[in-house]
N, C-alpha and C. Protein backbone atom coordinates (compact mmCIF):
# COMPACT_ATOMS: atom_id res chain seq x y z
N UNK A 1 12.13 -20.06 -22.66
CA UNK A 1 11.74 -18.76 -22.19
C UNK A 1 11.72 -18.77 -20.66
N UNK A 2 12.20 -17.67 -20.08
CA UNK A 2 12.25 -17.57 -18.62
C UNK A 2 10.87 -17.30 -18.04
N UNK A 3 10.63 -17.85 -16.88
CA UNK A 3 9.39 -17.60 -16.17
C UNK A 3 9.47 -16.24 -15.49
N UNK A 4 8.40 -15.46 -15.60
CA UNK A 4 8.37 -14.16 -14.94
C UNK A 4 8.24 -14.33 -13.44
N UNK A 5 9.03 -13.55 -12.72
CA UNK A 5 8.91 -13.55 -11.26
C UNK A 5 7.84 -12.54 -10.87
N UNK A 6 7.11 -12.85 -9.86
CA UNK A 6 6.15 -11.90 -9.31
C UNK A 6 6.49 -11.70 -7.85
N UNK A 7 6.82 -10.47 -7.52
CA UNK A 7 7.14 -10.15 -6.13
C UNK A 7 5.86 -9.70 -5.43
N UNK A 8 5.63 -10.26 -4.28
CA UNK A 8 4.45 -9.89 -3.49
C UNK A 8 4.90 -9.54 -2.07
N UNK A 9 4.10 -8.74 -1.41
CA UNK A 9 4.37 -8.39 -0.02
C UNK A 9 4.25 -9.62 0.86
N UNK A 10 5.07 -9.68 1.89
CA UNK A 10 4.99 -10.79 2.85
C UNK A 10 3.76 -10.64 3.74
N UNK A 11 3.35 -9.41 3.98
CA UNK A 11 2.13 -9.17 4.75
C UNK A 11 1.44 -7.94 4.16
N UNK A 12 0.15 -7.85 4.40
CA UNK A 12 -0.64 -6.75 3.87
C UNK A 12 -0.13 -5.41 4.41
N UNK A 13 -0.07 -4.41 3.55
CA UNK A 13 0.36 -3.07 3.95
C UNK A 13 -0.78 -2.43 4.74
N UNK A 14 -0.45 -1.93 5.91
CA UNK A 14 -1.42 -1.22 6.74
C UNK A 14 -1.09 0.26 6.70
N UNK A 15 -2.10 1.08 6.53
CA UNK A 15 -1.91 2.52 6.40
C UNK A 15 -2.38 3.26 7.65
N UNK A 16 -1.62 4.28 8.03
CA UNK A 16 -2.07 5.20 9.07
C UNK A 16 -3.15 6.09 8.48
N UNK A 17 -4.06 6.51 9.30
CA UNK A 17 -5.05 7.47 8.85
C UNK A 17 -4.73 8.83 9.47
N UNK A 18 -5.17 9.87 8.78
CA UNK A 18 -5.07 11.23 9.32
C UNK A 18 -6.47 11.82 9.34
N UNK A 19 -6.87 12.34 10.47
CA UNK A 19 -8.17 12.99 10.60
C UNK A 19 -7.92 14.49 10.71
N UNK A 20 -8.69 15.26 9.95
CA UNK A 20 -8.47 16.70 9.91
C UNK A 20 -9.75 17.42 9.50
N UNK A 21 -9.76 18.71 9.75
CA UNK A 21 -10.83 19.57 9.26
C UNK A 21 -10.23 20.46 8.18
N UNK A 22 -11.02 20.75 7.19
CA UNK A 22 -10.57 21.59 6.08
C UNK A 22 -11.16 22.98 6.22
N UNK A 23 -10.39 23.98 5.82
CA UNK A 23 -10.89 25.36 5.81
C UNK A 23 -11.88 25.57 4.67
N UNK A 24 -11.98 24.59 3.77
CA UNK A 24 -12.83 24.72 2.59
C UNK A 24 -14.21 24.07 2.75
N UNK A 25 -14.32 23.08 3.64
CA UNK A 25 -15.54 22.29 3.77
C UNK A 25 -15.88 22.07 5.23
N UNK A 26 -17.15 21.81 5.49
CA UNK A 26 -17.61 21.49 6.84
C UNK A 26 -17.34 20.02 7.14
N UNK A 27 -17.07 19.73 8.40
CA UNK A 27 -16.91 18.35 8.84
C UNK A 27 -15.48 17.87 8.80
N UNK A 28 -15.27 16.72 9.43
CA UNK A 28 -13.95 16.09 9.48
C UNK A 28 -13.78 15.11 8.33
N UNK A 29 -12.54 14.95 7.92
CA UNK A 29 -12.15 13.97 6.91
C UNK A 29 -11.16 13.00 7.54
N UNK A 30 -11.23 11.74 7.17
CA UNK A 30 -10.24 10.75 7.58
C UNK A 30 -9.74 10.06 6.32
N UNK A 31 -8.45 10.31 6.03
CA UNK A 31 -7.83 9.81 4.82
C UNK A 31 -6.48 9.20 5.18
N UNK A 32 -5.93 8.34 4.32
CA UNK A 32 -4.63 7.74 4.62
C UNK A 32 -3.52 8.79 4.62
N UNK A 33 -2.48 8.50 5.36
CA UNK A 33 -1.32 9.39 5.44
C UNK A 33 -0.61 9.41 4.10
N UNK A 34 -0.52 10.59 3.49
CA UNK A 34 0.11 10.73 2.18
C UNK A 34 1.58 10.29 2.18
N UNK A 35 2.22 10.29 3.34
CA UNK A 35 3.62 9.86 3.42
C UNK A 35 3.76 8.38 3.08
N UNK A 36 2.65 7.65 3.12
CA UNK A 36 2.66 6.22 2.81
C UNK A 36 2.12 5.91 1.41
N UNK A 37 1.81 6.93 0.64
CA UNK A 37 1.23 6.70 -0.68
C UNK A 37 2.24 6.01 -1.59
N UNK A 38 1.79 5.02 -2.36
CA UNK A 38 2.69 4.36 -3.31
C UNK A 38 3.15 5.36 -4.38
N UNK A 39 4.29 5.09 -4.96
CA UNK A 39 4.85 5.99 -5.97
C UNK A 39 3.91 6.23 -7.14
N UNK A 40 3.14 5.22 -7.55
CA UNK A 40 2.24 5.43 -8.69
C UNK A 40 1.13 6.43 -8.33
N UNK A 41 0.76 6.52 -7.07
CA UNK A 41 -0.25 7.49 -6.64
C UNK A 41 0.36 8.89 -6.65
N UNK A 42 1.58 9.02 -6.17
CA UNK A 42 2.26 10.32 -6.18
C UNK A 42 2.39 10.82 -7.62
N UNK A 43 2.80 9.94 -8.54
CA UNK A 43 2.93 10.31 -9.95
C UNK A 43 1.57 10.72 -10.52
N UNK A 44 0.53 10.00 -10.16
CA UNK A 44 -0.82 10.34 -10.64
C UNK A 44 -1.26 11.69 -10.11
N UNK A 45 -0.93 11.99 -8.87
CA UNK A 45 -1.31 13.29 -8.30
C UNK A 45 -0.63 14.44 -9.03
N UNK A 46 0.61 14.23 -9.45
CA UNK A 46 1.31 15.26 -10.21
C UNK A 46 0.61 15.56 -11.52
N UNK A 47 -0.13 14.58 -12.05
CA UNK A 47 -0.91 14.76 -13.27
C UNK A 47 -2.36 15.16 -12.95
N UNK A 48 -2.65 15.37 -11.67
CA UNK A 48 -4.00 15.67 -11.18
C UNK A 48 -4.99 14.55 -11.55
N UNK A 49 -4.52 13.30 -11.49
CA UNK A 49 -5.35 12.12 -11.73
C UNK A 49 -6.04 11.77 -10.41
N UNK A 50 -7.22 12.36 -10.22
CA UNK A 50 -7.93 12.18 -8.96
C UNK A 50 -8.54 10.79 -8.81
N UNK A 51 -8.78 10.10 -9.92
CA UNK A 51 -9.29 8.73 -9.84
C UNK A 51 -8.30 7.83 -9.12
N UNK A 52 -7.01 7.93 -9.49
CA UNK A 52 -5.99 7.10 -8.84
C UNK A 52 -5.87 7.43 -7.36
N UNK A 53 -5.95 8.71 -7.02
CA UNK A 53 -5.87 9.13 -5.63
C UNK A 53 -7.05 8.57 -4.83
N UNK A 54 -8.25 8.72 -5.36
CA UNK A 54 -9.45 8.23 -4.67
C UNK A 54 -9.42 6.71 -4.51
N UNK A 55 -9.02 6.00 -5.57
CA UNK A 55 -8.95 4.53 -5.50
C UNK A 55 -7.98 4.09 -4.41
N UNK A 56 -6.82 4.75 -4.33
CA UNK A 56 -5.85 4.39 -3.29
C UNK A 56 -6.43 4.69 -1.90
N UNK A 57 -7.03 5.86 -1.73
CA UNK A 57 -7.59 6.22 -0.42
C UNK A 57 -8.61 5.19 0.05
N UNK A 58 -9.51 4.80 -0.86
CA UNK A 58 -10.54 3.82 -0.51
C UNK A 58 -9.91 2.46 -0.21
N UNK A 59 -8.93 2.05 -1.02
CA UNK A 59 -8.29 0.75 -0.77
C UNK A 59 -7.51 0.75 0.54
N UNK A 60 -7.08 1.93 0.99
CA UNK A 60 -6.33 2.04 2.25
C UNK A 60 -7.26 2.13 3.46
N UNK A 61 -8.57 2.30 3.23
CA UNK A 61 -9.52 2.30 4.34
C UNK A 61 -10.39 3.53 4.47
N UNK A 62 -10.21 4.52 3.61
CA UNK A 62 -11.02 5.74 3.69
C UNK A 62 -12.43 5.47 3.17
N UNK A 63 -13.36 6.29 3.64
CA UNK A 63 -14.74 6.14 3.15
C UNK A 63 -14.86 6.82 1.79
N UNK A 64 -15.77 6.30 0.99
CA UNK A 64 -16.03 6.87 -0.33
C UNK A 64 -16.47 8.33 -0.19
N UNK A 65 -17.25 8.62 0.85
CA UNK A 65 -17.75 9.97 1.07
C UNK A 65 -16.61 10.97 1.28
N UNK A 66 -15.55 10.55 1.97
CA UNK A 66 -14.42 11.45 2.21
C UNK A 66 -13.58 11.66 0.96
N UNK A 67 -13.69 10.78 -0.03
CA UNK A 67 -12.92 10.96 -1.26
C UNK A 67 -13.70 11.65 -2.36
N UNK A 68 -15.02 11.64 -2.27
CA UNK A 68 -15.83 12.26 -3.32
C UNK A 68 -15.58 13.76 -3.42
N UNK A 69 -15.09 14.35 -2.37
CA UNK A 69 -14.84 15.80 -2.33
C UNK A 69 -13.75 16.21 -3.32
N UNK A 70 -12.88 15.28 -3.70
CA UNK A 70 -11.77 15.61 -4.60
C UNK A 70 -12.25 16.27 -5.89
N UNK A 71 -13.40 15.84 -6.40
CA UNK A 71 -13.90 16.36 -7.67
C UNK A 71 -14.61 17.71 -7.52
N UNK A 72 -14.82 18.16 -6.30
CA UNK A 72 -15.50 19.43 -6.04
C UNK A 72 -14.54 20.62 -6.03
N UNK A 73 -13.23 20.35 -6.06
CA UNK A 73 -12.23 21.40 -5.88
C UNK A 73 -11.55 21.77 -7.19
N UNK A 74 -11.09 23.02 -7.26
CA UNK A 74 -10.21 23.42 -8.36
C UNK A 74 -8.77 23.13 -7.93
N UNK A 75 -7.79 23.25 -8.83
CA UNK A 75 -6.41 22.90 -8.48
C UNK A 75 -5.86 23.68 -7.27
N UNK A 76 -6.19 24.94 -7.14
CA UNK A 76 -5.69 25.72 -6.00
C UNK A 76 -6.29 25.20 -4.69
N UNK A 77 -7.59 24.92 -4.71
CA UNK A 77 -8.23 24.35 -3.52
C UNK A 77 -7.66 22.98 -3.19
N UNK A 78 -7.36 22.20 -4.21
CA UNK A 78 -6.79 20.88 -3.99
C UNK A 78 -5.46 20.99 -3.24
N UNK A 79 -4.62 21.94 -3.64
CA UNK A 79 -3.34 22.13 -2.94
C UNK A 79 -3.57 22.51 -1.48
N UNK A 80 -4.53 23.39 -1.22
CA UNK A 80 -4.86 23.78 0.16
C UNK A 80 -5.35 22.57 0.95
N UNK A 81 -6.26 21.80 0.35
CA UNK A 81 -6.82 20.63 1.00
C UNK A 81 -5.73 19.62 1.36
N UNK A 82 -4.82 19.36 0.43
CA UNK A 82 -3.75 18.40 0.67
C UNK A 82 -2.81 18.90 1.76
N UNK A 83 -2.55 20.19 1.79
CA UNK A 83 -1.71 20.76 2.85
C UNK A 83 -2.37 20.56 4.21
N UNK A 84 -3.66 20.82 4.31
CA UNK A 84 -4.38 20.62 5.57
C UNK A 84 -4.41 19.13 5.93
N UNK A 85 -4.58 18.29 4.94
CA UNK A 85 -4.58 16.84 5.12
C UNK A 85 -3.27 16.40 5.74
N UNK A 86 -2.17 16.95 5.28
CA UNK A 86 -0.85 16.53 5.76
C UNK A 86 -0.61 16.88 7.23
N UNK A 87 -1.44 17.76 7.79
CA UNK A 87 -1.29 18.16 9.20
C UNK A 87 -2.35 17.53 10.10
N UNK A 88 -2.98 16.46 9.61
CA UNK A 88 -4.03 15.81 10.37
C UNK A 88 -3.49 15.04 11.57
N UNK A 89 -4.42 14.60 12.41
CA UNK A 89 -4.11 13.81 13.59
C UNK A 89 -4.01 12.34 13.20
N UNK A 90 -2.94 11.68 13.61
CA UNK A 90 -2.69 10.29 13.24
C UNK A 90 -3.62 9.34 13.97
N UNK A 91 -4.11 8.36 13.24
CA UNK A 91 -4.94 7.29 13.80
C UNK A 91 -4.73 6.03 13.00
N UNK A 92 -5.64 5.09 13.14
CA UNK A 92 -5.58 3.84 12.38
C UNK A 92 -6.94 3.57 11.77
N UNK A 93 -6.93 2.94 10.59
CA UNK A 93 -8.19 2.53 9.97
C UNK A 93 -8.66 1.27 10.64
């Protein structure tokens, strides 16, 4: 039987952060740049799987407090929030 290969990154993936204000909530949010989201997170978002989105955000360096808001929104608000998120100011975690 053949041995399974496991491919691993040569170095840890570093994510850009985006800081933005939402028209829906008070205060600033700092979340990872969605342009760097892994494909499994994008697929999960299409299914509105907010657990996968929050787990990725936290693993990329976001605070738990900034991700807890995901469960407070309805689908229309989520689309607005993500659009505002995509126009945030670039930084680093």
